[in-house]
Amino acid sequence: GHVEQWIDFASLEIDANIMLWLRPRMGFAVYLPP
């Protein structure tokens, strides 16, 4: 129960961070110059 919830939360957080980090590098996001 509790451990599974923590793993789910951690995996969601990690997945979100990985996506934020990888998307621009894989060309899914467009960097707009300032």
PDB file of N, CA and C in Angstrom:
ATOM      1  N   GLY A   1       0.809  -1.197   0.000  1.00  0.00           N
ATOM      2  CA  GLY A   1       0.000   0.000   0.000  1.00  0.00           C
ATOM      3  C   GLY A   1       0.847   1.254   0.000  1.00  0.00           C
ATOM      4  N   HIS A   2       1.444   1.553   1.136  1.00  0.00           N
ATOM      5  CA  HIS A   2       2.161   2.824   1.262  1.00  0.00           C
ATOM      6  C   HIS A   2       3.367   2.874   0.323  1.00  0.00           C
ATOM      7  N   VAL A   3       4.105   1.767   0.251  1.00  0.00           N
ATOM      8  CA  VAL A   3       5.297   1.752  -0.603  1.00  0.00           C
ATOM      9  C   VAL A   3       4.893   1.914  -2.062  1.00  0.00           C
ATOM     10  N   GLU A   4       3.824   1.244  -2.470  1.00  0.00           N
ATOM     11  CA  GLU A   4       3.388   1.356  -3.862  1.00  0.00           C
ATOM     12  C   GLU A   4       2.989   2.788  -4.189  1.00  0.00           C
ATOM     13  N   GLN A   5       2.310   3.446  -3.243  1.00  0.00           N
ATOM     14  CA  GLN A   5       1.921   4.835  -3.477  1.00  0.00           C
ATOM     15  C   GLN A   5       3.161   5.709  -3.647  1.00  0.00           C
ATOM     16  N   TRP A   6       4.176   5.467  -2.817  1.00  0.00           N
ATOM     17  CA  TRP A   6       5.389   6.274  -2.904  1.00  0.00           C
ATOM     18  C   TRP A   6       6.086   6.030  -4.237  1.00  0.00           C
ATOM     19  N   ILE A   7       6.135   4.764  -4.660  1.00  0.00           N
ATOM     20  CA  ILE A   7       6.777   4.440  -5.938  1.00  0.00           C
ATOM     21  C   ILE A   7       6.017   5.106  -7.081  1.00  0.00           C
ATOM     22  N   ASP A   8       4.674   5.053  -7.014  1.00  0.00           N
ATOM     23  CA  ASP A   8       3.884   5.691  -8.063  1.00  0.00           C
ATOM     24  C   ASP A   8       4.179   7.188  -8.101  1.00  0.00           C
ATOM     25  N   PHE A   9       4.206   7.822  -6.929  1.00  0.00           N
ATOM     26  CA  PHE A   9       4.468   9.260  -6.860  1.00  0.00           C
ATOM     27  C   PHE A   9       5.865   9.565  -7.387  1.00  0.00           C
ATOM     28  N   ALA A  10       6.843   8.798  -6.945  1.00  0.00           N
ATOM     29  CA  ALA A  10       8.220   9.040  -7.363  1.00  0.00           C
ATOM     30  C   ALA A  10       8.357   8.840  -8.868  1.00  0.00           C
ATOM     31  N   SER A  11       7.742   7.796  -9.401  1.00  0.00           N
ATOM     32  CA  SER A  11       7.869   7.539 -10.835  1.00  0.00           C
ATOM     33  C   SER A  11       7.195   8.644 -11.634  1.00  0.00           C
ATOM     34  N   LEU A  12       6.085   9.165 -11.139  1.00  0.00           N
ATOM     35  CA  LEU A  12       5.428  10.274 -11.839  1.00  0.00           C
ATOM     36  C   LEU A  12       6.324  11.510 -11.822  1.00  0.00           C
ATOM     37  N   GLU A  13       6.911  11.801 -10.658  1.00  0.00           N
ATOM     38  CA  GLU A  13       7.786  12.967 -10.562  1.00  0.00           C
ATOM     39  C   GLU A  13       8.996  12.797 -11.477  1.00  0.00           C
ATOM     40  N   ILE A  14       9.595  11.609 -11.453  1.00  0.00           N
ATOM     41  CA  ILE A  14      10.781  11.355 -12.270  1.00  0.00           C
ATOM     42  C   ILE A  14      10.419  11.423 -13.750  1.00  0.00           C
ATOM     43  N   ASP A  15       9.301  10.807 -14.122  1.00  0.00           N
ATOM     44  CA  ASP A  15       8.888  10.837 -15.521  1.00  0.00           C
ATOM     45  C   ASP A  15       8.677  12.268 -15.990  1.00  0.00           C
ATOM     46  N   ALA A  16       8.042  13.089 -15.157  1.00  0.00           N
ATOM     47  CA  ALA A  16       7.787  14.481 -15.538  1.00  0.00           C
ATOM     48  C   ALA A  16       9.108  15.222 -15.728  1.00  0.00           C
ATOM     49  N   ASN A  17      10.051  15.007 -14.815  1.00  0.00           N
ATOM     50  CA  ASN A  17      11.335  15.694 -14.930  1.00  0.00           C
ATOM     51  C   ASN A  17      12.106  15.208 -16.148  1.00  0.00           C
ATOM     52  N   ILE A  18      12.071  13.904 -16.405  1.00  0.00           N
ATOM     53  CA  ILE A  18      12.766  13.366 -17.574  1.00  0.00           C
ATOM     54  C   ILE A  18      12.157  13.945 -18.848  1.00  0.00           C
ATOM     55  N   MET A  19      10.826  14.027 -18.888  1.00  0.00           N
ATOM     56  CA  MET A  19      10.177  14.573 -20.074  1.00  0.00           C
ATOM     57  C   MET A  19      10.569  16.035 -20.263  1.00  0.00           C
ATOM     58  N   LEU A  20      10.587  16.804 -19.167  1.00  0.00           N
ATOM     59  CA  LEU A  20      10.958  18.216 -19.280  1.00  0.00           C
ATOM     60  C   LEU A  20      12.394  18.349 -19.767  1.00  0.00           C
ATOM     61  N   TRP A  21      13.243  17.403 -19.362  1.00  0.00           N
ATOM     62  CA  TRP A  21      14.654  17.481 -19.724  1.00  0.00           C
ATOM     63  C   TRP A  21      14.888  16.979 -21.147  1.00  0.00           C
ATOM     64  N   LEU A  22      14.162  15.927 -21.538  1.00  0.00           N
ATOM     65  CA  LEU A  22      14.430  15.298 -22.827  1.00  0.00           C
ATOM     66  C   LEU A  22      13.716  15.973 -23.991  1.00  0.00           C
ATOM     67  N   ARG A  23      12.506  16.475 -23.775  1.00  0.00           N
ATOM     68  CA  ARG A  23      11.721  16.985 -24.901  1.00  0.00           C
ATOM     69  C   ARG A  23      12.486  17.993 -25.749  1.00  0.00           C
ATOM     70  N   PRO A  24      13.067  19.035 -25.135  1.00  0.00           N
ATOM     71  CA  PRO A  24      13.783  20.003 -25.979  1.00  0.00           C
ATOM     72  C   PRO A  24      14.954  19.360 -26.711  1.00  0.00           C
ATOM     73  N   ARG A  25      15.602  18.388 -26.093  1.00  0.00           N
ATOM     74  CA  ARG A  25      16.770  17.762 -26.707  1.00  0.00           C
ATOM     75  C   ARG A  25      16.369  16.797 -27.815  1.00  0.00           C
ATOM     76  N   MET A  26      15.129  16.331 -27.784  1.00  0.00           N
ATOM     77  CA  MET A  26      14.678  15.396 -28.817  1.00  0.00           C
ATOM     78  C   MET A  26      13.876  16.110 -29.895  1.00  0.00           C
ATOM     79  N   GLY A  27      13.699  17.418 -29.743  1.00  0.00           N
ATOM     80  CA  GLY A  27      13.038  18.180 -30.779  1.00  0.00           C
ATOM     81  C   GLY A  27      11.534  18.271 -30.623  1.00  0.00           C
ATOM     82  N   PHE A  28      10.981  17.809 -29.494  1.00  0.00           N
ATOM     83  CA  PHE A  28       9.528  17.882 -29.316  1.00  0.00           C
ATOM     84  C   PHE A  28       9.108  19.295 -28.929  1.00  0.00           C
ATOM     85  N   ALA A  29      10.009  20.015 -28.266  1.00  0.00           N
ATOM     86  CA  ALA A  29       9.692  21.376 -27.850  1.00  0.00           C
ATOM     87  C   ALA A  29      10.536  22.339 -28.673  1.00  0.00           C
ATOM     88  N   VAL A  30       9.996  23.508 -28.882  1.00  0.00           N
ATOM     89  CA  VAL A  30      10.710  24.522 -29.649  1.00  0.00           C
ATOM     90  C   VAL A  30      11.195  25.597 -28.689  1.00  0.00           C
ATOM     91  N   TYR A  31      12.487  25.841 -28.730  1.00  0.00           N
ATOM     92  CA  TYR A  31      13.033  26.921 -27.907  1.00  0.00           C
ATOM     93  C   TYR A  31      12.791  28.240 -28.612  1.00  0.00           C
ATOM     94  N   LEU A  32      12.165  29.166 -27.908  1.00  0.00           N
ATOM     95  CA  LEU A  32      11.965  30.495 -28.476  1.00  0.00           C
ATOM     96  C   LEU A  32      13.058  31.417 -27.960  1.00  0.00           C
ATOM     97  N   PRO A  33      13.756  32.086 -28.860  1.00  0.00           N
ATOM     98  CA  PRO A  33      14.801  33.002 -28.394  1.00  0.00           C
ATOM     99  C   PRO A  33      14.191  34.120 -27.566  1.00  0.00           C
ATOM    100  N   PRO A  34      14.882  34.593 -26.553  1.00  0.00           N
ATOM    101  CA  PRO A  34      14.350  35.649 -25.676  1.00  0.00           C
ATOM    102  C   PRO A  34      14.203  36.974 -26.422  1.00  0.00           C
TER     103      PRO A  34
END
